[in-house]
Protein backbone atom coordinates (compact mmCIF):
# COMPACT_ATOMS: atom_id res chain seq x y z
CA MET A 1 -18.89 -15.32 47.42
CA ARG A 2 -15.68 -13.28 47.23
CA GLU A 3 -14.47 -12.44 43.73
CA VAL A 4 -11.10 -13.94 42.78
CA ASP A 5 -8.30 -11.42 42.32
CA PRO A 6 -7.63 -11.24 38.53
CA ARG A 7 -3.91 -11.37 39.23
CA ARG A 8 -4.33 -14.96 40.39
CA ARG A 9 -5.48 -15.83 36.87
CA VAL A 10 -2.16 -14.82 35.32
CA PRO A 11 -0.77 -18.02 33.76
CA ARG A 12 2.38 -19.56 35.28
CA THR A 13 5.72 -19.25 33.54
CA ASP A 14 6.19 -23.01 33.12
CA ALA A 15 2.72 -23.34 31.57
CA LEU A 16 3.47 -20.58 29.08
CA LEU A 17 6.85 -22.06 28.17
CA ALA A 18 5.02 -25.30 27.36
CA ASP A 19 2.68 -23.50 24.93
CA PRO A 20 3.49 -24.78 21.40
CA ALA A 21 4.05 -21.31 19.91
CA LEU A 22 6.29 -20.14 22.73
CA ALA A 23 8.10 -23.48 22.83
CA ALA A 24 8.82 -23.10 19.12
CA ALA A 25 10.18 -19.62 19.82
CA VAL A 26 12.57 -21.10 22.40
CA ASP A 27 14.09 -23.22 19.63
CA THR A 28 14.88 -20.15 17.52
CA LEU A 29 15.45 -17.40 20.10
CA GLY A 30 16.61 -19.24 23.21
CA ARG A 31 14.89 -19.87 26.56
CA ASP A 32 16.16 -16.74 28.32
CA ARG A 33 14.81 -14.34 25.70
CA VAL A 34 11.40 -16.02 25.57
CA LYS A 35 11.16 -16.20 29.37
CA ALA A 36 11.95 -12.48 29.64
CA ALA A 37 9.10 -11.67 27.24
CA ILE A 38 6.75 -13.85 29.30
CA VAL A 39 7.73 -12.11 32.53
CA ARG A 40 7.11 -8.69 30.99
CA ALA A 41 3.65 -9.76 29.83
CA GLN A 42 2.85 -11.24 33.26
CA ASP A 43 3.89 -8.00 34.94
CA ARG A 44 1.58 -6.03 32.63
CA ALA A 45 -1.31 -8.30 33.57
CA ARG A 46 -0.59 -7.92 37.30
CA ARG A 47 -0.63 -4.14 36.90
CA GLY A 48 -4.02 -4.36 35.22
CA GLU A 49 -2.73 -3.21 31.81
CA LEU A 50 -3.53 -6.53 30.19
CA HIS A 51 -6.18 -9.22 30.62
CA PRO A 52 -4.66 -12.42 32.04
CA GLU A 53 -5.94 -14.30 28.99
CA GLY A 54 -3.84 -12.05 26.78
CA VAL A 55 -0.49 -12.80 28.41
CA ARG A 56 0.43 -15.52 25.90
CA ASP A 57 -0.27 -13.35 22.87
CA ALA A 58 1.44 -10.32 24.41
CA ALA A 59 4.55 -12.39 25.11
CA LEU A 60 4.60 -13.63 21.53
CA ALA A 61 4.14 -10.10 20.20
CA ASP A 62 7.05 -8.90 22.35
CA LEU A 63 9.52 -11.40 20.96
CA PRO A 64 12.23 -10.09 18.64
CA GLY A 65 12.63 -11.43 15.17
CA ARG A 66 8.89 -11.53 14.51
CA THR A 67 8.78 -8.53 12.20
CA PRO A 68 7.21 -7.91 9.88
CA ARG A 69 4.20 -9.68 11.35
CA ALA A 70 1.22 -10.69 9.26
CA VAL A 71 -1.83 -8.55 10.03
CA LEU A 72 -5.48 -9.13 9.14
CA ASN A 73 -6.58 -5.74 7.83
CA ALA A 74 -10.09 -5.15 9.22
CA THR A 75 -9.75 -1.35 9.20
CA GLY A 76 -11.86 -0.75 6.11
CA VAL A 77 -8.87 0.95 4.48
CA VAL A 78 -8.04 -1.20 1.47
CA LEU A 79 -4.56 0.24 0.83
CA HIS A 80 -3.42 0.96 4.37
CA THR A 81 -0.01 2.65 4.16
CA ASN A 82 0.98 1.55 7.68
CA LEU A 83 0.21 -2.04 6.71
CA GLY A 84 2.32 -1.98 3.56
CA ARG A 85 -0.48 -0.95 1.16
CA ALA A 86 -1.38 -3.66 -1.35
CA ALA A 87 -1.61 -7.32 -0.38
CA LEU A 88 -0.07 -9.47 -3.10
CA ALA A 89 -1.95 -11.99 -5.20
CA PRO A 90 -1.18 -15.67 -4.39
CA THR A 91 0.67 -16.02 -7.69
CA ALA A 92 2.84 -13.03 -6.79
CA VAL A 93 3.64 -14.62 -3.43
CA ASP A 94 4.64 -17.82 -5.21
CA ALA A 95 6.82 -15.79 -7.55
CA LEU A 96 8.55 -14.18 -4.58
CA VAL A 97 9.37 -17.58 -3.11
CA ALA A 98 10.71 -18.82 -6.43
CA ALA A 99 12.81 -15.68 -6.85
CA ALA A 100 14.37 -16.10 -3.40
CA GLY A 101 16.86 -18.53 -4.91
CA HIS A 102 18.88 -18.25 -8.09
CA THR A 103 16.78 -17.04 -11.03
CA ASP A 104 17.15 -16.08 -14.68
CA VAL A 105 16.67 -12.39 -13.82
CA GLU A 106 19.49 -11.37 -16.21
CA LEU A 107 20.09 -14.62 -18.10
CA ASP A 108 18.63 -16.16 -21.24
CA LEU A 109 18.53 -19.84 -20.42
CA GLY A 110 18.07 -20.66 -24.10
CA THR A 111 21.31 -19.06 -25.25
CA GLY A 112 23.18 -19.11 -21.96
CA ARG A 113 23.96 -15.42 -22.38
CA ARG A 114 23.15 -12.28 -20.46
CA ALA A 115 19.64 -10.90 -21.07
CA ARG A 116 17.82 -7.68 -20.23
CA ARG A 117 17.19 -7.46 -16.50
CA GLY A 118 13.57 -8.03 -15.49
CA ARG A 119 12.40 -8.53 -19.08
CA GLU A 120 9.31 -10.50 -18.03
CA ALA A 121 8.08 -7.71 -15.75
CA LEU A 122 8.79 -5.08 -18.39
CA GLU A 123 7.06 -7.10 -21.11
CA ALA A 124 4.03 -7.61 -18.85
CA LEU A 125 3.87 -3.89 -18.04
CA ALA A 126 4.15 -2.95 -21.71
CA ALA A 127 1.40 -5.42 -22.60
CA ALA A 128 -0.85 -3.99 -19.86
CA VAL A 129 -0.46 -0.46 -21.27
CA PRO A 130 -0.09 -0.69 -25.06
CA ASP A 131 -0.24 3.10 -25.31
CA ALA A 132 3.25 3.24 -23.80
CA ALA A 133 6.00 2.94 -26.41
CA ALA A 134 8.48 2.01 -23.66
CA VAL A 135 8.45 1.22 -19.95
CA HIS A 136 10.87 1.11 -17.04
CA VAL A 137 10.65 0.21 -13.34
CA VAL A 138 12.42 1.70 -10.31
CA ASN A 139 12.05 1.10 -6.60
CA ASN A 140 9.10 3.38 -5.76
CA GLY A 141 6.89 6.16 -7.08
CA ALA A 142 9.01 8.97 -5.65
CA ALA A 143 12.10 7.42 -7.26
CA ALA A 144 10.34 7.43 -10.64
CA LEU A 145 9.76 11.16 -10.36
CA VAL A 146 13.29 11.82 -9.10
CA LEU A 147 14.76 9.91 -12.04
CA ALA A 148 12.60 11.86 -14.50
CA ALA A 149 13.55 15.21 -12.94
CA THR A 150 17.26 14.36 -12.83
CA ALA A 151 17.47 13.04 -16.38
CA LEU A 152 15.25 15.63 -18.03
CA ALA A 153 15.61 18.80 -15.98
CA ALA A 154 18.76 18.88 -13.82
CA GLY A 155 20.00 22.49 -14.01
CA ARG A 156 16.82 23.47 -15.85
CA GLU A 157 13.26 24.39 -14.91
CA ILE A 158 10.22 22.26 -14.15
CA VAL A 159 6.99 24.18 -14.74
CA VAL A 160 4.33 23.10 -12.25
CA SER A 161 1.07 24.45 -10.83
CA ARG A 162 1.16 25.76 -7.26
CA GLY A 163 -1.95 23.73 -6.55
CA GLU A 164 -0.08 20.51 -7.27
CA LEU A 165 2.94 20.96 -4.98
CA VAL A 166 1.77 18.32 -2.57
CA GLU A 167 3.16 16.65 0.52
CA ILE A 168 3.42 12.94 -0.26
CA GLY A 169 3.58 11.59 3.28
CA ASP A 170 5.87 11.29 6.30
CA GLY A 171 6.74 14.98 5.94
CA PHE A 172 8.23 14.65 2.44
CA ARG A 173 7.14 17.44 0.12
CA LEU A 174 7.20 17.41 -3.66
CA PRO A 175 9.03 20.76 -4.02
CA ASP A 176 11.87 19.52 -1.79
CA LEU A 177 12.04 16.21 -3.64
CA LEU A 178 12.32 17.89 -7.03
CA ALA A 179 14.76 20.55 -5.86
CA SER A 180 17.07 17.81 -4.58
CA THR A 181 17.63 16.72 -8.19
CA GLY A 182 19.19 20.05 -9.17
CA ALA A 183 16.12 21.21 -11.07
CA ARG A 184 14.51 24.60 -10.46
CA LEU A 185 10.77 24.85 -9.93
CA ARG A 186 8.84 27.44 -11.93
CA GLU A 187 5.51 27.70 -10.15
CA VAL A 188 2.46 28.91 -12.06
CA GLY A 189 -1.14 29.76 -11.20
CA THR A 190 -2.53 29.77 -7.68
CA THR A 191 -3.41 27.11 -5.17
CA ASN A 192 -6.93 26.75 -6.57
CA ARG A 193 -6.69 27.88 -10.21
CA SER A 194 -4.20 27.41 -13.04
CA THR A 195 -4.72 28.06 -16.75
CA ARG A 196 -2.99 27.09 -19.98
CA ALA A 197 -1.90 30.71 -20.33
CA ASP A 198 -0.09 30.46 -16.98
CA TYR A 199 1.96 27.54 -18.24
CA ALA A 200 2.61 29.09 -21.65
CA ALA A 201 3.94 32.29 -20.08
CA ALA A 202 6.40 30.34 -17.95
CA ILE A 203 7.85 28.15 -20.71
CA GLY A 204 11.17 29.25 -22.18
CA GLU A 205 14.61 28.09 -23.25
CA HIS A 206 15.38 26.80 -19.76
CA THR A 207 12.29 24.58 -19.47
CA GLY A 208 13.03 20.89 -18.94
CA PHE A 209 9.43 19.77 -18.84
CA VAL A 210 5.96 20.59 -17.62
CA LEU A 211 4.90 18.52 -14.63
CA LYS A 212 1.32 17.67 -13.77
CA VAL A 213 0.71 15.96 -10.43
CA HIS A 214 -2.52 14.28 -9.44
CA PRO A 215 -3.32 15.48 -5.88
CA SER A 216 -4.29 11.97 -4.88
CA ASN A 217 -4.48 12.48 -1.12
CA PHE A 218 -6.81 15.50 -0.98
CA VAL A 219 -9.63 17.18 -2.85
CA VAL A 220 -9.97 20.89 -3.68
CA THR A 221 -13.53 22.02 -4.38
CA GLY A 222 -15.23 25.29 -5.14
CA PHE A 223 -13.72 27.99 -7.36
CA THR A 224 -11.08 25.83 -9.03
CA SER A 225 -9.59 25.10 -12.43
CA ALA A 226 -6.81 22.84 -13.70
CA VAL A 227 -5.35 22.32 -17.15
CA PRO A 228 -6.00 18.95 -18.83
CA VAL A 229 -3.06 16.93 -20.11
CA ALA A 230 -4.29 17.32 -23.70
CA ASP A 231 -3.93 21.10 -23.43
CA LEU A 232 -0.51 20.90 -21.80
CA ALA A 233 0.65 18.63 -24.64
CA THR A 234 0.19 21.52 -27.09
CA LEU A 235 2.80 23.70 -25.39
CA GLY A 236 5.77 22.29 -27.32
CA VAL A 237 7.72 20.84 -24.36
CA PRO A 238 7.72 17.38 -22.73
CA VAL A 239 4.83 16.74 -20.33
CA VAL A 240 5.43 14.46 -17.35
CA VAL A 241 2.35 13.34 -15.41
CA ASP A 242 2.52 11.75 -11.97
CA ILE A 243 -0.79 9.89 -11.68
CA GLY A 244 0.23 8.53 -8.29
CA SER A 245 -1.94 5.53 -7.51
CA GLY A 246 -0.94 3.25 -10.37
CA LEU A 247 -4.26 2.73 -12.13
CA LEU A 248 -3.29 1.41 -15.56
CA ALA A 249 -6.71 1.58 -17.24
CA PRO A 250 -10.03 3.29 -16.38
CA ASP A 251 -12.07 1.85 -13.53
CA PRO A 252 -15.78 2.85 -13.34
CA LEU A 253 -15.59 2.58 -9.56
CA LEU A 254 -13.04 5.43 -9.51
CA PRO A 255 -14.11 7.86 -12.24
CA ASP A 256 -11.95 10.73 -10.97
CA GLU A 257 -8.77 8.70 -10.64
CA PRO A 258 -6.43 9.20 -13.63
CA ASP A 259 -5.08 6.11 -15.38
CA ALA A 260 -1.92 5.56 -17.37
CA ALA A 261 -3.53 4.57 -20.68
CA THR A 262 -5.85 7.58 -20.87
CA THR A 263 -3.11 9.98 -19.78
CA LEU A 264 -0.72 8.75 -22.48
CA ARG A 265 -3.41 8.97 -25.14
CA ALA A 266 -4.02 12.57 -24.06
CA GLY A 267 -0.45 13.41 -25.03
CA ALA A 268 1.74 12.88 -21.96
CA HIS A 269 5.36 12.09 -22.86
CA LEU A 270 5.91 10.25 -19.58
CA VAL A 271 3.66 8.87 -16.85
CA THR A 272 4.94 7.92 -13.39
CA ALA A 273 3.03 5.86 -10.84
CA SER A 274 3.32 3.51 -7.86
CA GLY A 275 3.07 -0.26 -8.13
CA ASP A 276 1.80 -1.02 -4.62
CA LYS A 277 -1.45 0.95 -4.76
CA LEU A 278 -4.33 0.39 -7.19
CA LEU A 279 -2.25 -1.95 -9.34
CA GLY A 280 -2.12 -4.24 -6.32
CA GLY A 281 1.53 -5.19 -6.69
CA PRO A 282 4.82 -4.73 -4.82
CA GLN A 283 6.40 -1.38 -4.03
CA ALA A 284 7.76 -0.08 -7.32
CA GLY A 285 7.90 3.05 -9.43
CA LEU A 286 6.44 2.68 -12.91
CA LEU A 287 7.60 4.82 -15.83
CA LEU A 288 5.64 4.62 -19.08
CA GLY A 289 5.88 6.80 -22.15
CA ALA A 290 7.69 7.79 -25.31
CA ALA A 291 10.55 5.52 -26.35
CA ASP A 292 13.20 8.25 -26.49
CA VAL A 293 12.23 9.64 -23.10
CA VAL A 294 12.17 6.27 -21.33
CA HIS A 295 15.47 5.23 -22.98
CA ARG A 296 17.07 8.43 -21.70
CA LEU A 297 15.89 7.65 -18.17
CA ARG A 298 16.90 4.00 -18.34
CA ARG A 299 20.47 4.86 -19.40
CA HIS A 300 20.96 7.63 -16.83
CA PRO A 301 23.54 6.69 -14.15
CA LEU A 302 20.97 7.29 -11.39
CA ALA A 303 18.82 4.47 -12.80
CA ARG A 304 21.35 1.98 -11.46
CA ALA A 305 20.96 3.28 -7.92
CA LEU A 306 17.17 3.16 -8.20
CA ARG A 307 16.83 -0.26 -9.82
CA VAL A 308 14.54 -2.89 -8.32
CA ASP A 309 15.67 -6.27 -7.03
CA LYS A 310 14.73 -9.67 -8.40
CA LEU A 311 11.98 -10.17 -5.79
CA THR A 312 10.16 -7.02 -6.85
CA LEU A 313 10.50 -7.87 -10.53
CA ALA A 314 9.10 -11.35 -9.96
CA ALA A 315 6.16 -10.11 -7.91
CA LEU A 316 5.42 -7.31 -10.37
CA ALA A 317 5.35 -9.66 -13.37
CA ALA A 318 3.07 -12.09 -11.53
CA THR A 319 0.75 -9.24 -10.49
CA LEU A 320 0.45 -7.98 -14.06
CA TYR A 321 -0.29 -11.48 -15.37
CA ALA A 322 -2.78 -12.32 -12.59
CA PRO A 323 -6.49 -12.23 -13.55
CA THR A 324 -7.22 -10.29 -10.36
CA THR A 325 -5.58 -9.11 -7.15
CA PRO A 326 -6.63 -8.85 -3.49
CA THR A 327 -6.78 -5.07 -3.97
CA ARG A 328 -9.18 -5.32 -6.88
CA GLN A 329 -11.29 -7.92 -5.07
CA ALA A 330 -11.52 -5.73 -1.98
CA LEU A 331 -12.42 -2.60 -3.95
CA HIS A 332 -15.13 -4.36 -5.95
CA ALA A 333 -16.49 -6.55 -3.13
CA ASP A 334 -20.29 -6.76 -3.11
CA PRO A 335 -21.70 -5.01 0.01
CA GLY A 336 -24.44 -7.64 0.23
CA GLY A 337 -21.87 -10.41 0.31
CA LEU A 338 -19.88 -8.56 2.96
CA ARG A 339 -22.98 -8.24 5.12
CA GLU A 340 -23.64 -11.97 4.87
CA ARG A 341 -20.07 -12.73 5.94
CA VAL A 342 -20.28 -10.39 8.94
CA GLU A 343 -23.65 -11.84 9.96
CA ARG A 344 -22.30 -15.38 9.79
CA LEU A 345 -19.35 -14.34 11.93
CA ARG A 346 -21.66 -12.67 14.45
CA ASP A 347 -23.89 -15.76 14.63
CA ARG A 348 -21.00 -18.15 15.13
CA LEU A 349 -19.56 -15.94 17.86
CA GLY A 350 -23.00 -15.83 19.47
CA GLU A 351 -23.09 -19.63 19.56
CA ASP A 352 -19.92 -19.45 21.64
CA GLY A 353 -21.37 -16.86 24.01
CA CYS A 354 -19.69 -13.79 22.52
CA LYS A 355 -22.11 -10.96 21.78
CA ALA A 356 -21.36 -8.79 18.75
CA GLU A 357 -23.33 -6.54 16.43
CA VAL A 358 -23.46 -6.05 12.68
CA VAL A 359 -23.30 -2.39 11.59
CA PRO A 360 -23.01 -0.55 8.26
CA ALA A 361 -19.60 0.97 7.59
CA ALA A 362 -17.85 3.20 5.08
CA ALA A 363 -14.59 1.79 3.71
CA VAL A 364 -12.04 3.87 1.78
CA VAL A 365 -9.41 3.20 -0.85
CA GLY A 366 -6.47 4.54 1.17
CA GLY A 367 -2.82 4.69 0.15
CA GLY A 368 -3.18 8.25 -1.09
CA GLY A 369 -5.65 7.20 -3.76
CA ALA A 370 -9.20 8.24 -4.64
CA PRO A 371 -9.71 10.80 -1.84
CA GLY A 372 -13.35 11.34 -0.99
CA VAL A 373 -14.46 7.97 -2.38
CA GLU A 374 -16.37 5.87 0.16
CA LEU A 375 -17.23 2.21 -0.34
CA ASP A 376 -20.38 0.84 1.28
CA SER A 377 -19.37 -1.90 3.67
CA TRP A 378 -20.33 -3.82 6.83
CA ALA A 379 -18.47 -4.39 10.06
CA LEU A 380 -18.58 -6.48 13.20
CA SER A 381 -18.97 -4.19 16.22
CA LEU A 382 -17.32 -5.17 19.51
CA PRO A 383 -16.50 -3.34 22.74
CA GLU A 384 -13.45 -1.09 22.44
CA ARG A 385 -11.56 -3.20 24.98
CA TYR A 386 -11.05 -5.84 22.27
CA ALA A 387 -8.85 -3.50 20.20
CA GLU A 388 -5.49 -3.95 21.93
CA PRO A 389 -5.56 -7.72 22.53
CA LEU A 390 -6.68 -8.31 18.94
CA ARG A 391 -4.00 -5.98 17.63
CA THR A 392 -1.25 -7.64 19.66
CA GLY A 393 -2.53 -11.18 19.29
CA ASP A 394 -1.55 -13.96 16.93
CA PRO A 395 -2.82 -13.44 14.33
CA ALA A 396 -2.77 -9.68 14.69
CA VAL A 397 -6.23 -8.29 13.82
CA LEU A 398 -6.41 -4.55 13.23
CA GLY A 399 -9.77 -2.81 13.22
CA ARG A 400 -10.74 0.79 13.85
CA VAL A 401 -12.19 2.34 16.98
CA LEU A 402 -15.19 4.61 16.46
CA HIS A 403 -17.43 6.12 19.17
CA GLY A 404 -16.21 3.67 21.80
CA ARG A 405 -16.67 0.55 19.66
CA LEU A 406 -14.20 -1.59 17.76
CA LEU A 407 -15.29 -2.12 14.15
CA LEU A 408 -13.93 -5.05 12.17
CA ASP A 409 -14.64 -4.35 8.49
CA LEU A 410 -14.17 -7.49 6.38
CA ARG A 411 -13.78 -5.74 3.00
CA ALA A 412 -10.00 -6.18 2.91
CA VAL A 413 -10.01 -9.48 4.83
CA PRO A 414 -9.90 -12.66 2.69
CA ALA A 415 -13.02 -14.77 3.24
CA ALA A 416 -10.76 -17.70 4.12
CA ALA A 417 -9.56 -15.73 7.17
CA ASP A 418 -13.00 -15.31 8.78
CA ASP A 419 -12.44 -18.34 11.01
CA ARG A 420 -9.13 -16.89 12.18
CA ILE A 421 -10.86 -13.66 13.19
CA ARG A 422 -13.50 -15.66 15.06
CA ALA A 423 -10.80 -17.60 16.92
CA ALA A 424 -8.93 -14.40 17.77
CA VAL A 425 -12.08 -12.76 19.16
CA LEU A 426 -12.91 -15.83 21.23
CA ARG A 427 -9.40 -15.84 22.70
CA VAL A 428 -9.97 -12.28 23.92
CA GLU A 429 -13.40 -13.23 25.25
CA GLY A 430 -11.75 -16.01 27.22
């Protein structure tokens, strides 16, 4: 019996236009735009670039106005930078929706008068880190450091170890970032070793502050030495510490990751960190420290340009009040429980004729945090050909390809989404 040409299985245009999802898109984008996306997907299938069963999903993915798209993160990278890092807690999502309208962001409803902007978020942050005498929030971690450098060291020197002049991503380098503020860098030590004496010799009348940066996206091993914050605090000048990943208190899972509370107790005058990493909140730059230092930063003219909007403030407050976050749940997920979930998913797929395997996997923290830390995990293993249609489907499911297999690690996938992954895989299977 002669095999049917796969191109004959490409769905007709009228059938695709009748699909509920594409029909809904017609209502918002117009028939011509949706039809053009369908034709492009059909052409890809006829050229053999796409399975005929994937035409619908490819057409949907090609439609404008669908960004950002929700993605099920099955990569095993908990804080995936390309996926927006931390997923928000449900309460933070609710807070975002509430803040989309008019809010009391700068109004005291009791008195009817103007109030401090974002006071709930600031009060929640202060309560989470009692060691901080004052706190402030800007729009990301780099902005927090820029504000500190501008307010405390413009036209002066920042003393920093050569081993901590890192590249923070997308080609941006810390030395360039700091130099843009008008501060001068006074580098001390070497790439692998710095001592207290190195810092002491560099400090003088032009010193704005000493900067210590946690190299959160790489690890240096071997013949190395670094100066603890407690020792830097004895040098007689302000000490600013960029801990990076936003851990507010110690976590036994991440013993080498610095946290804000411990760093402040060690003598740091100011700590800067990101809100969308280990804290599990929205993108934000956190500044915690001495009252006089934080007040100086908060009143600097640049603070206005770096201020966060009402949506970020609402999500940050809700994150800080939440008993847990998706980030924390993913990091502390029990490997045994993950294995059971993957096995159930494999068995249910098997009942529908789709063969998959369960394999051990190594998840990571990601987001430039806890380099070298691996988390025992489990993944569903499928043929590599599933990668593209799952990635471009609806919902979009992103795994990682390893040795010719697609691995779907469920560590960062909510358990409630397992059925959606099953349905997405079955759509590809056809």
